[in-house]
Amino acid sequence: VVNVASIAGHMTPKALQPARTFRLALTDFDAFAERLDRRV
């Protein structure tokens, strides 16, 4: 599988990325979708 990301994905420092929200994608899809929407 090859996913197309973007240089924009490298523009936000890791410390400012919502890591806890990202991790939900591995365990709770619905919670991930809801929290990501709130975040953005």
Full PDB file with SEQRES, HELIX, SHEET, SSBOND, CRYST1, ORIGX, SCALE, CONECT and MASTER records, all heavy atoms in Angstrom:
SEQRES   1 A   40  VAL VAL ASN VAL ALA SER ILE ALA GLY HIS MET THR PRO          
SEQRES   2 A   40  LYS ALA LEU GLN PRO ALA ARG THR PHE ARG LEU ALA LEU          
SEQRES   3 A   40  THR ASP PHE ASP ALA PHE ALA GLU ARG LEU ASP ARG ARG          
SEQRES   4 A   40  VAL                                                          
HELIX    1 AA1 ILE A    7  HIS A   10  5                                   4    
HELIX    2 AA2 LYS A   14  LEU A   16  5                                   3    
HELIX    3 AA3 ALA A   19  LEU A   24  1                                   6    
HELIX    4 AA4 PHE A   29  ARG A   39  1                                  11    
CRYST1    1.000    1.000    1.000  90.00  90.00  90.00 P 1           1          
ORIGX1      1.000000  0.000000  0.000000        0.00000                         
ORIGX2      0.000000  1.000000  0.000000        0.00000                         
ORIGX3      0.000000  0.000000  1.000000        0.00000                         
SCALE1      1.000000  0.000000  0.000000        0.00000                         
SCALE2      0.000000  1.000000  0.000000        0.00000                         
SCALE3      0.000000  0.000000  1.000000        0.00000                         
ATOM      1  N   VAL A   1       0.865  -1.182   0.000  1.00  0.00           N  
ATOM      2  CA  VAL A   1       0.000   0.000   0.000  1.00  0.00           C  
ATOM      3  C   VAL A   1       0.898   1.227   0.000  1.00  0.00           C  
ATOM      4  O   VAL A   1       1.845   1.308   0.784  1.00  0.00           O  
ATOM      5  CB  VAL A   1      -0.923   0.040   1.235  1.00  0.00           C  
ATOM      6  CG1 VAL A   1      -1.665   1.375   1.309  1.00  0.00           C  
ATOM      7  CG2 VAL A   1      -1.915  -1.114   1.208  1.00  0.00           C  
ATOM      8  N   VAL A   2       0.591   2.172  -0.875  1.00  0.00           N  
ATOM      9  CA  VAL A   2       1.323   3.433  -0.939  1.00  0.00           C  
ATOM     10  C   VAL A   2       0.317   4.564  -0.759  1.00  0.00           C  
ATOM     11  O   VAL A   2      -0.566   4.755  -1.596  1.00  0.00           O  
ATOM     12  CB  VAL A   2       2.062   3.596  -2.281  1.00  0.00           C  
ATOM     13  CG1 VAL A   2       2.887   4.887  -2.271  1.00  0.00           C  
ATOM     14  CG2 VAL A   2       2.954   2.394  -2.557  1.00  0.00           C  
ATOM     15  N   ASN A   3       0.432   5.280   0.347  1.00  0.00           N  
ATOM     16  CA  ASN A   3      -0.468   6.391   0.636  1.00  0.00           C  
ATOM     17  C   ASN A   3       0.167   7.711   0.235  1.00  0.00           C  
ATOM     18  O   ASN A   3       1.325   7.967   0.565  1.00  0.00           O  
ATOM     19  CB  ASN A   3      -0.792   6.442   2.134  1.00  0.00           C  
ATOM     20  CG  ASN A   3      -1.642   5.283   2.589  1.00  0.00           C  
ATOM     21  OD1 ASN A   3      -2.594   4.901   1.914  1.00  0.00           O  
ATOM     22  ND2 ASN A   3      -1.306   4.706   3.738  1.00  0.00           N  
ATOM     23  N   VAL A   4      -0.601   8.555  -0.436  1.00  0.00           N  
ATOM     24  CA  VAL A   4      -0.102   9.879  -0.787  1.00  0.00           C  
ATOM     25  C   VAL A   4      -0.398  10.838   0.355  1.00  0.00           C  
ATOM     26  O   VAL A   4      -1.561  11.086   0.685  1.00  0.00           O  
ATOM     27  CB  VAL A   4      -0.720  10.390  -2.099  1.00  0.00           C  
ATOM     28  CG1 VAL A   4      -0.260  11.819  -2.375  1.00  0.00           C  
ATOM     29  CG2 VAL A   4      -0.321   9.482  -3.260  1.00  0.00           C  
ATOM     30  N   ALA A   5       0.658  11.352   0.974  1.00  0.00           N  
ATOM     31  CA  ALA A   5       0.538  12.340   2.046  1.00  0.00           C  
ATOM     32  C   ALA A   5       0.818  13.713   1.431  1.00  0.00           C  
ATOM     33  O   ALA A   5       0.275  14.045   0.385  1.00  0.00           O  
ATOM     34  CB  ALA A   5       1.482  12.014   3.190  1.00  0.00           C  
ATOM     35  N   SER A   6       1.656  14.509   2.046  1.00  0.00           N  
ATOM     36  CA  SER A   6       1.977  15.840   1.522  1.00  0.00           C  
ATOM     37  C   SER A   6       3.102  16.442   2.348  1.00  0.00           C  
ATOM     38  O   SER A   6       3.265  16.121   3.530  1.00  0.00           O  
ATOM     39  CB  SER A   6       0.760  16.766   1.600  1.00  0.00           C  
ATOM     40  OG  SER A   6       1.103  18.109   1.330  1.00  0.00           O  
ATOM     41  N   ILE A   7       3.839  17.352   1.738  1.00  0.00           N  
ATOM     42  CA  ILE A   7       4.819  18.121   2.507  1.00  0.00           C  
ATOM     43  C   ILE A   7       4.126  18.856   3.653  1.00  0.00           C  
ATOM     44  O   ILE A   7       4.727  19.103   4.703  1.00  0.00           O  
ATOM     45  CB  ILE A   7       5.588  19.104   1.611  1.00  0.00           C  
ATOM     46  CG1 ILE A   7       6.726  19.757   2.413  1.00  0.00           C  
ATOM     47  CG2 ILE A   7       4.662  20.140   0.994  1.00  0.00           C  
ATOM     48  CD1 ILE A   7       7.624  20.655   1.592  1.00  0.00           C  
ATOM     49  N   ALA A   8       2.836  19.181   3.481  1.00  0.00           N  
ATOM     50  CA  ALA A   8       2.089  19.855   4.552  1.00  0.00           C  
ATOM     51  C   ALA A   8       2.072  19.026   5.824  1.00  0.00           C  
ATOM     52  O   ALA A   8       1.996  19.569   6.929  1.00  0.00           O  
ATOM     53  CB  ALA A   8       0.663  20.151   4.098  1.00  0.00           C  
ATOM     54  N   GLY A   9       2.158  17.707   5.672  1.00  0.00           N  
ATOM     55  CA  GLY A   9       2.184  16.831   6.837  1.00  0.00           C  
ATOM     56  C   GLY A   9       3.461  16.942   7.634  1.00  0.00           C  
ATOM     57  O   GLY A   9       3.529  16.484   8.779  1.00  0.00           O  
ATOM     58  N   HIS A  10       4.482  17.571   7.043  1.00  0.00           N  
ATOM     59  CA  HIS A  10       5.762  17.777   7.723  1.00  0.00           C  
ATOM     60  C   HIS A  10       5.886  19.182   8.301  1.00  0.00           C  
ATOM     61  O   HIS A  10       6.896  19.496   8.929  1.00  0.00           O  
ATOM     62  CB  HIS A  10       6.915  17.556   6.741  1.00  0.00           C  
ATOM     63  CG  HIS A  10       7.075  16.143   6.290  1.00  0.00           C  
ATOM     64  ND1 HIS A  10       7.934  15.250   6.906  1.00  0.00           N  
ATOM     65  CD2 HIS A  10       6.479  15.456   5.280  1.00  0.00           C  
ATOM     66  CE1 HIS A  10       7.865  14.087   6.282  1.00  0.00           C  
ATOM     67  NE2 HIS A  10       6.990  14.188   5.295  1.00  0.00           N  
ATOM     68  N   MET A  11       4.880  20.003   8.075  1.00  0.00           N  
ATOM     69  CA  MET A  11       4.982  21.415   8.467  1.00  0.00           C  
ATOM     70  C   MET A  11       4.607  21.658   9.917  1.00  0.00           C  
ATOM     71  O   MET A  11       5.001  22.670  10.502  1.00  0.00           O  
ATOM     72  CB  MET A  11       4.074  22.263   7.573  1.00  0.00           C  
ATOM     73  CG  MET A  11       4.385  22.145   6.091  1.00  0.00           C  
ATOM     74  SD  MET A  11       5.876  23.012   5.598  1.00  0.00           S  
ATOM     75  CE  MET A  11       5.214  24.643   5.334  1.00  0.00           C  
ATOM     76  N   THR A  12       3.828  20.754  10.508  1.00  0.00           N  
ATOM     77  CA  THR A  12       3.431  20.913  11.899  1.00  0.00           C  
ATOM     78  C   THR A  12       4.403  20.157  12.799  1.00  0.00           C  
ATOM     79  O   THR A  12       4.582  18.945  12.624  1.00  0.00           O  
ATOM     80  CB  THR A  12       2.006  20.384  12.136  1.00  0.00           C  
ATOM     81  OG1 THR A  12       1.104  21.038  11.246  1.00  0.00           O  
ATOM     82  CG2 THR A  12       1.560  20.617  13.568  1.00  0.00           C  
ATOM     83  N   PRO A  13       5.049  20.823  13.742  1.00  0.00           N  
ATOM     84  CA  PRO A  13       5.958  20.112  14.657  1.00  0.00           C  
ATOM     85  C   PRO A  13       5.237  18.947  15.352  1.00  0.00           C  
ATOM     86  O   PRO A  13       4.053  19.049  15.678  1.00  0.00           O  
ATOM     87  CB  PRO A  13       6.354  21.201  15.656  1.00  0.00           C  
ATOM     88  CG  PRO A  13       6.152  22.488  14.933  1.00  0.00           C  
ATOM     89  CD  PRO A  13       4.973  22.266  14.035  1.00  0.00           C  
ATOM     90  N   LYS A  14       5.966  17.867  15.585  1.00  0.00           N  
ATOM     91  CA  LYS A  14       5.354  16.687  16.191  1.00  0.00           C  
ATOM     92  C   LYS A  14       4.711  17.004  17.534  1.00  0.00           C  
ATOM     93  O   LYS A  14       3.687  16.424  17.904  1.00  0.00           O  
ATOM     94  CB  LYS A  14       6.396  15.577  16.356  1.00  0.00           C  
ATOM     95  CG  LYS A  14       6.785  14.910  15.044  1.00  0.00           C  
ATOM     96  CD  LYS A  14       7.717  13.732  15.277  1.00  0.00           C  
ATOM     97  CE  LYS A  14       8.072  13.050  13.966  1.00  0.00           C  
ATOM     98  NZ  LYS A  14       8.978  11.891  14.167  1.00  0.00           N  
ATOM     99  N   ALA A  15       5.306  17.931  18.269  1.00  0.00           N  
ATOM    100  CA  ALA A  15       4.775  18.279  19.587  1.00  0.00           C  
ATOM    101  C   ALA A  15       3.383  18.888  19.496  1.00  0.00           C  
ATOM    102  O   ALA A  15       2.614  18.856  20.472  1.00  0.00           O  
ATOM    103  CB  ALA A  15       5.713  19.244  20.294  1.00  0.00           C  
ATOM    104  N   LEU A  16       3.038  19.440  18.331  1.00  0.00           N  
ATOM    105  CA  LEU A  16       1.737  20.071  18.150  1.00  0.00           C  
ATOM    106  C   LEU A  16       0.730  19.168  17.441  1.00  0.00           C  
ATOM    107  O   LEU A  16      -0.422  19.551  17.260  1.00  0.00           O  
ATOM    108  CB  LEU A  16       1.894  21.385  17.366  1.00  0.00           C  
ATOM    109  CG  LEU A  16       2.758  22.458  18.035  1.00  0.00           C  
ATOM    110  CD1 LEU A  16       2.821  23.698  17.146  1.00  0.00           C  
ATOM    111  CD2 LEU A  16       2.220  22.816  19.415  1.00  0.00           C  
ATOM    112  N   GLN A  17       1.173  17.986  17.036  1.00  0.00           N  
ATOM    113  CA  GLN A  17       0.255  17.053  16.389  1.00  0.00           C  
ATOM    114  C   GLN A  17      -0.593  16.336  17.446  1.00  0.00           C  
ATOM    115  O   GLN A  17      -0.093  16.012  18.525  1.00  0.00           O  
ATOM    116  CB  GLN A  17       1.037  16.038  15.561  1.00  0.00           C  
ATOM    117  CG  GLN A  17       1.748  16.645  14.371  1.00  0.00           C  
ATOM    118  CD  GLN A  17       2.603  15.640  13.626  1.00  0.00           C  
ATOM    119  OE1 GLN A  17       2.555  14.439  13.884  1.00  0.00           O  
ATOM    120  NE2 GLN A  17       3.398  16.122  12.685  1.00  0.00           N  
ATOM    121  N   PRO A  18      -1.865  16.084  17.153  1.00  0.00           N  
ATOM    122  CA  PRO A  18      -2.757  15.448  18.130  1.00  0.00           C  
ATOM    123  C   PRO A  18      -2.524  13.933  18.215  1.00  0.00           C  
ATOM    124  O   PRO A  18      -3.315  13.131  17.723  1.00  0.00           O  
ATOM    125  CB  PRO A  18      -4.147  15.779  17.593  1.00  0.00           C  
ATOM    126  CG  PRO A  18      -3.956  15.883  16.114  1.00  0.00           C  
ATOM    127  CD  PRO A  18      -2.580  16.475  15.918  1.00  0.00           C  
ATOM    128  N   ALA A  19      -1.441  13.551  18.842  1.00  0.00           N  
ATOM    129  CA  ALA A  19      -1.038  12.140  18.874  1.00  0.00           C  
ATOM    130  C   ALA A  19      -2.102  11.248  19.508  1.00  0.00           C  
ATOM    131  O   ALA A  19      -2.349  10.127  19.047  1.00  0.00           O  
ATOM    132  CB  ALA A  19       0.283  11.998  19.622  1.00  0.00           C  
ATOM    133  N   ARG A  20      -2.736  11.725  20.584  1.00  0.00           N  
ATOM    134  CA  ARG A  20      -3.758  10.907  21.233  1.00  0.00           C  
ATOM    135  C   ARG A  20      -4.938  10.662  20.304  1.00  0.00           C  
ATOM    136  O   ARG A  20      -5.499   9.564  20.283  1.00  0.00           O  
ATOM    137  CB  ARG A  20      -4.231  11.587  22.518  1.00  0.00           C  
ATOM    138  CG  ARG A  20      -3.178  11.635  23.618  1.00  0.00           C  
ATOM    139  CD  ARG A  20      -3.729  12.295  24.877  1.00  0.00           C  
ATOM    140  NE  ARG A  20      -2.736  12.337  25.932  1.00  0.00           N  
ATOM    141  CZ  ARG A  20      -2.941  12.891  27.124  1.00  0.00           C  
ATOM    142  NH1 ARG A  20      -4.123  13.464  27.401  1.00  0.00           N  
ATOM    143  NH2 ARG A  20      -1.986  12.898  28.029  1.00  0.00           N  
ATOM    144  N   THR A  21      -5.303  11.686  19.550  1.00  0.00           N  
ATOM    145  CA  THR A  21      -6.382  11.510  18.574  1.00  0.00           C  
ATOM    146  C   THR A  21      -5.963  10.530  17.493  1.00  0.00           C  
ATOM    147  O   THR A  21      -6.730   9.640  17.118  1.00  0.00           O  
ATOM    148  CB  THR A  21      -6.757  12.869  17.948  1.00  0.00           C  
ATOM    149  OG1 THR A  21      -7.248  13.735  18.971  1.00  0.00           O  
ATOM    150  CG2 THR A  21      -7.833  12.695  16.885  1.00  0.00           C  
ATOM    151  N   PHE A  22      -4.758  10.675  16.971  1.00  0.00           N  
ATOM    152  CA  PHE A  22      -4.264   9.760  15.944  1.00  0.00           C  
ATOM    153  C   PHE A  22      -4.317   8.309  16.426  1.00  0.00           C  
ATOM    154  O   PHE A  22      -4.745   7.408  15.682  1.00  0.00           O  
ATOM    155  CB  PHE A  22      -2.823  10.117  15.561  1.00  0.00           C  
ATOM    156  CG  PHE A  22      -2.673  11.362  14.729  1.00  0.00           C  
ATOM    157  CD1 PHE A  22      -1.414  11.807  14.351  1.00  0.00           C  
ATOM    158  CD2 PHE A  22      -3.773  12.111  14.327  1.00  0.00           C  
ATOM    159  CE1 PHE A  22      -1.248  12.948  13.586  1.00  0.00           C  
ATOM    160  CE2 PHE A  22      -3.626  13.263  13.570  1.00  0.00           C  
ATOM    161  CZ  PHE A  22      -2.357  13.682  13.200  1.00  0.00           C  
ATOM    162  N   ARG A  23      -3.898   8.064  17.657  1.00  0.00           N  
ATOM    163  CA  ARG A  23      -3.833   6.687  18.155  1.00  0.00           C  
ATOM    164  C   ARG A  23      -5.199   6.021  18.222  1.00  0.00           C  
ATOM    165  O   ARG A  23      -5.304   4.790  18.146  1.00  0.00           O  
ATOM    166  CB  ARG A  23      -3.149   6.653  19.522  1.00  0.00           C  
ATOM    167  CG  ARG A  23      -1.636   6.837  19.462  1.00  0.00           C  
ATOM    168  CD  ARG A  23      -0.959   6.443  20.771  1.00  0.00           C  
ATOM    169  NE  ARG A  23      -1.288   7.360  21.849  1.00  0.00           N  
ATOM    170  CZ  ARG A  23      -0.576   8.450  22.150  1.00  0.00           C  
ATOM    171  NH1 ARG A  23       0.497   8.753  21.436  1.00  0.00           N  
ATOM    172  NH2 ARG A  23      -0.922   9.219  23.165  1.00  0.00           N  
ATOM    173  N   LEU A  24      -6.243   6.815  18.349  1.00  0.00           N  
ATOM    174  CA  LEU A  24      -7.594   6.246  18.395  1.00  0.00           C  
ATOM    175  C   LEU A  24      -7.960   5.537  17.094  1.00  0.00           C  
ATOM    176  O   LEU A  24      -8.818   4.654  17.078  1.00  0.00           O  
ATOM    177  CB  LEU A  24      -8.625   7.344  18.680  1.00  0.00           C  
ATOM    178  CG  LEU A  24      -8.703   7.839  20.123  1.00  0.00           C  
ATOM    179  CD1 LEU A  24      -9.628   9.050  20.206  1.00  0.00           C  
ATOM    180  CD2 LEU A  24      -9.208   6.725  21.043  1.00  0.00           C  
ATOM    181  N   ALA A  25      -7.311   5.905  16.003  1.00  0.00           N  
ATOM    182  CA  ALA A  25      -7.593   5.254  14.718  1.00  0.00           C  
ATOM    183  C   ALA A  25      -7.282   3.763  14.757  1.00  0.00           C  
ATOM    184  O   ALA A  25      -7.837   2.986  13.974  1.00  0.00           O  
ATOM    185  CB  ALA A  25      -6.781   5.921  13.606  1.00  0.00           C  
ATOM    186  N   LEU A  26      -6.415   3.370  15.679  1.00  0.00           N  
ATOM    187  CA  LEU A  26      -6.027   1.962  15.792  1.00  0.00           C  
ATOM    188  C   LEU A  26      -6.956   1.156  16.695  1.00  0.00           C  
ATOM    189  O   LEU A  26      -6.962  -0.067  16.644  1.00  0.00           O  
ATOM    190  CB  LEU A  26      -4.599   1.858  16.338  1.00  0.00           C  
ATOM    191  CG  LEU A  26      -3.511   2.624  15.579  1.00  0.00           C  
ATOM    192  CD1 LEU A  26      -2.181   2.499  16.298  1.00  0.00           C  
ATOM    193  CD2 LEU A  26      -3.403   2.137  14.145  1.00  0.00           C  
ATOM    194  N   THR A  27      -7.757   1.859  17.503  1.00  0.00           N  
ATOM    195  CA  THR A  27      -8.551   1.151  18.516  1.00  0.00           C  
ATOM    196  C   THR A  27     -10.025   1.502  18.519  1.00  0.00           C  
ATOM    197  O   THR A  27     -10.858   0.669  18.898  1.00  0.00           O  
ATOM    198  CB  THR A  27      -8.001   1.446  19.925  1.00  0.00           C  
ATOM    199  OG1 THR A  27      -8.038   2.866  20.159  1.00  0.00           O  
ATOM    200  CG2 THR A  27      -6.559   0.950  20.061  1.00  0.00           C  
ATOM    201  N   ASP A  28     -10.380   2.718  18.131  1.00  0.00           N  
ATOM    202  CA  ASP A  28     -11.779   3.162  18.235  1.00  0.00           C  
ATOM    203  C   ASP A  28     -12.059   4.132  17.092  1.00  0.00           C  
ATOM    204  O   ASP A  28     -11.914   5.338  17.232  1.00  0.00           O  
ATOM    205  CB  ASP A  28     -12.015   3.835  19.580  1.00  0.00           C  
ATOM    206  CG  ASP A  28     -13.487   4.101  19.863  1.00  0.00           C  
ATOM    207  OD1 ASP A  28     -14.269   4.226  18.892  1.00  0.00           O  
ATOM    208  OD2 ASP A  28     -13.864   4.193  21.047  1.00  0.00           O  
ATOM    209  N   PHE A  29     -12.483   3.590  15.964  1.00  0.00           N  
ATOM    210  CA  PHE A  29     -12.665   4.376  14.745  1.00  0.00           C  
ATOM    211  C   PHE A  29     -13.658   5.519  14.942  1.00  0.00           C  
ATOM    212  O   PHE A  29     -13.408   6.659  14.523  1.00  0.00           O  
ATOM    213  CB  PHE A  29     -13.131   3.471  13.605  1.00  0.00           C  
ATOM    214  CG  PHE A  29     -13.377   4.185  12.311  1.00  0.00           C  
ATOM    215  CD1 PHE A  29     -12.338   4.474  11.445  1.00  0.00           C  
ATOM    216  CD2 PHE A  29     -14.662   4.575  11.947  1.00  0.00           C  
ATOM    217  CE1 PHE A  29     -12.565   5.142  10.253  1.00  0.00           C  
ATOM    218  CE2 PHE A  29     -14.894   5.242  10.757  1.00  0.00           C  
ATOM    219  CZ  PHE A  29     -13.839   5.520   9.907  1.00  0.00           C  
ATOM    220  N   ASP A  30     -14.784   5.242  15.569  1.00  0.00           N  
ATOM    221  CA  ASP A  30     -15.805   6.278  15.749  1.00  0.00           C  
ATOM    222  C   ASP A  30     -15.298   7.422  16.625  1.00  0.00           C  
ATOM    223  O   ASP A  30     -15.536   8.594  16.333  1.00  0.00           O  
ATOM    224  CB  ASP A  30     -17.074   5.676  16.354  1.00  0.00           C  
ATOM    225  CG  ASP A  30     -17.799   4.756  15.383  1.00  0.00           C  
ATOM    226  OD1 ASP A  30     -17.591   4.906  14.158  1.00  0.00           O  
ATOM    227  OD2 ASP A  30     -18.567   3.884  15.839  1.00  0.00           O  
ATOM    228  N   ALA A  31     -14.595   7.067  17.708  1.00  0.00           N  
ATOM    229  CA  ALA A  31     -14.038   8.104  18.580  1.00  0.00           C  
ATOM    230  C   ALA A  31     -12.979   8.916  17.849  1.00  0.00           C  
ATOM    231  O   ALA A  31     -12.882  10.138  18.026  1.00  0.00           O  
ATOM    232  CB  ALA A  31     -13.449   7.468  19.836  1.00  0.00           C  
ATOM    233  N   PHE A  32     -12.179   8.243  17.022  1.00  0.00           N  
ATOM    234  CA  PHE A  32     -11.172   8.933  16.225  1.00  0.00           C  
ATOM    235  C   PHE A  32     -11.827   9.950  15.300  1.00  0.00           C  
ATOM    236  O   PHE A  32     -11.413  11.119  15.249  1.00  0.00           O  
ATOM    237  CB  PHE A  32     -10.366   7.923  15.403  1.00  0.00           C  
ATOM    238  CG  PHE A  32      -9.550   8.540  14.307  1.00  0.00           C  
ATOM    239  CD1 PHE A  32      -8.478   9.363  14.602  1.00  0.00           C  
ATOM    240  CD2 PHE A  32      -9.857   8.297  12.979  1.00  0.00           C  
ATOM    241  CE1 PHE A  32      -7.718   9.943  13.582  1.00  0.00           C  
ATOM    242  CE2 PHE A  32      -9.111   8.872  11.961  1.00  0.00           C  
ATOM    243  CZ  PHE A  32      -8.039   9.691  12.263  1.00  0.00           C  
ATOM    244  N   ALA A  33     -12.858   9.531  14.578  1.00  0.00           N  
ATOM    245  CA  ALA A  33     -13.526  10.419  13.630  1.00  0.00           C  
ATOM    246  C   ALA A  33     -14.128  11.631  14.345  1.00  0.00           C  
ATOM    247  O   ALA A  33     -14.008  12.772  13.875  1.00  0.00           O  
ATOM    248  CB  ALA A  33     -14.607   9.660  12.876  1.00  0.00           C  
ATOM    249  N   GLU A  34     -14.761  11.391  15.483  1.00  0.00           N  
ATOM    250  CA  GLU A  34     -15.399  12.473  16.226  1.00  0.00           C  
ATOM    251  C   GLU A  34     -14.367  13.452  16.777  1.00  0.00           C  
ATOM    252  O   GLU A  34     -14.524  14.675  16.663  1.00  0.00           O  
ATOM    253  CB  GLU A  34     -16.230  11.897  17.371  1.00  0.00           C  
ATOM    254  CG  GLU A  34     -16.931  12.945  18.215  1.00  0.00           C  
ATOM    255  CD  GLU A  34     -17.703  12.344  19.369  1.00  0.00           C  
ATOM    256  OE1 GLU A  34     -17.788  11.105  19.462  1.00  0.00           O  
ATOM    257  OE2 GLU A  34     -18.219  13.131  20.191  1.00  0.00           O  
ATOM    258  N   ARG A  35     -13.299  12.922  17.373  1.00  0.00           N  
ATOM    259  CA  ARG A  35     -12.304  13.795  17.989  1.00  0.00           C  
ATOM    260  C   ARG A  35     -11.506  14.554  16.930  1.00  0.00           C  
ATOM    261  O   ARG A  35     -11.162  15.724  17.133  1.00  0.00           O  
ATOM    262  CB  ARG A  35     -11.371  12.985  18.887  1.00  0.00           C  
ATOM    263  CG  ARG A  35     -10.505  13.859  19.776  1.00  0.00           C  
ATOM    264  CD  ARG A  35      -9.720  13.064  20.785  1.00  0.00           C  
ATOM    265  NE  ARG A  35     -10.585  12.376  21.745  1.00  0.00           N  
ATOM    266  CZ  ARG A  35     -10.125  11.638  22.751  1.00  0.00           C  
ATOM    267  NH1 ARG A  35      -8.812  11.493  22.927  1.00  0.00           N  
ATOM    268  NH2 ARG A  35     -10.965  11.049  23.575  1.00  0.00           N  
ATOM    269  N   LEU A  36     -11.232  13.908  15.820  1.00  0.00           N  
ATOM    270  CA  LEU A  36     -10.509  14.587  14.742  1.00  0.00           C  
ATOM    271  C   LEU A  36     -11.336  15.755  14.205  1.00  0.00           C  
ATOM    272  O   LEU A  36     -10.809  16.848  13.953  1.00  0.00           O  
ATOM    273  CB  LEU A  36     -10.173  13.615  13.616  1.00  0.00           C  
ATOM    274  CG  LEU A  36      -9.396  14.206  12.438  1.00  0.00           C  
ATOM    275  CD1 LEU A  36      -7.995  14.637  12.872  1.00  0.00           C  
ATOM    276  CD2 LEU A  36      -9.303  13.200  11.298  1.00  0.00           C  
ATOM    277  N   ASP A  37     -12.624  15.535  14.030  1.00  0.00           N  
ATOM    278  CA  ASP A  37     -13.488  16.597  13.535  1.00  0.00           C  
ATOM    279  C   ASP A  37     -13.488  17.794  14.487  1.00  0.00           C  
ATOM    280  O   ASP A  37     -13.419  18.946  14.058  1.00  0.00           O  
ATOM    281  CB  ASP A  37     -14.913  16.073  13.342  1.00  0.00           C  
ATOM    282  CG  ASP A  37     -15.801  17.101  12.661  1.00  0.00           C  
ATOM    283  OD1 ASP A  37     -15.590  17.369  11.461  1.00  0.00           O  
ATOM    284  OD2 ASP A  37     -16.694  17.651  13.338  1.00  0.00           O  
ATOM    285  N   ARG A  38     -13.547  17.518  15.783  1.00  0.00           N  
ATOM    286  CA  ARG A  38     -13.502  18.611  16.758  1.00  0.00           C  
ATOM    287  C   ARG A  38     -12.170  19.341  16.670  1.00  0.00           C  
ATOM    288  O   ARG A  38     -12.115  20.572  16.749  1.00  0.00           O  
ATOM    289  CB  ARG A  38     -13.715  18.081  18.179  1.00  0.00           C  
ATOM    290  CG  ARG A  38     -15.115  17.593  18.466  1.00  0.00           C  
ATOM    291  CD  ARG A  38     -15.405  17.639  19.967  1.00  0.00           C  
ATOM    292  NE  ARG A  38     -14.396  16.981  20.779  1.00  0.00           N  
ATOM    293  CZ  ARG A  38     -14.451  15.712  21.176  1.00  0.00           C  
ATOM    294  NH1 ARG A  38     -15.485  14.956  20.824  1.00  0.00           N  
ATOM    295  NH2 ARG A  38     -13.493  15.192  21.926  1.00  0.00           N  
ATOM    296  N   ARG A  39     -11.109  18.593  16.526  1.00  0.00           N  
ATOM    297  CA  ARG A  39      -9.770  19.174  16.503  1.00  0.00           C  
ATOM    298  C   ARG A  39      -9.595  20.145  15.338  1.00  0.00           C  
ATOM    299  O   ARG A  39      -9.075  21.253  15.510  1.00  0.00           O  
ATOM    300  CB  ARG A  39      -8.739  18.046  16.408  1.00  0.00           C  
ATOM    301  CG  ARG A  39      -7.307  18.508  16.217  1.00  0.00           C  
ATOM    302  CD  ARG A  39      -6.693  18.971  17.505  1.00  0.00           C  
ATOM    303  NE  ARG A  39      -5.350  19.485  17.321  1.00  0.00           N  
ATOM    304  CZ  ARG A  39      -4.445  19.539  18.282  1.00  0.00           C  
ATOM    305  NH1 ARG A  39      -4.733  19.079  19.487  1.00  0.00           N  
ATOM    306  NH2 ARG A  39      -3.247  20.040  18.060  1.00  0.00           N  
ATOM    307  N   VAL A  40     -10.018  19.737  14.143  1.00  0.00           N  
ATOM    308  CA  VAL A  40      -9.765  20.566  12.965  1.00  0.00           C  
ATOM    309  C   VAL A  40     -10.713  21.754  12.879  1.00  0.00           C  
ATOM    310  O   VAL A  40     -10.504  22.658  12.057  1.00  0.00           O  
ATOM    311  CB  VAL A  40      -9.834  19.733  11.666  1.00  0.00           C  
ATOM    312  CG1 VAL A  40      -8.794  18.629  11.683  1.00  0.00           C  
ATOM    313  CG2 VAL A  40     -11.233  19.185  11.424  1.00  0.00           C  
TER     314      VAL A  40                                                      
MASTER        0    0    0    4    0    0    0    6  313    1    0    4          
END                                                                             
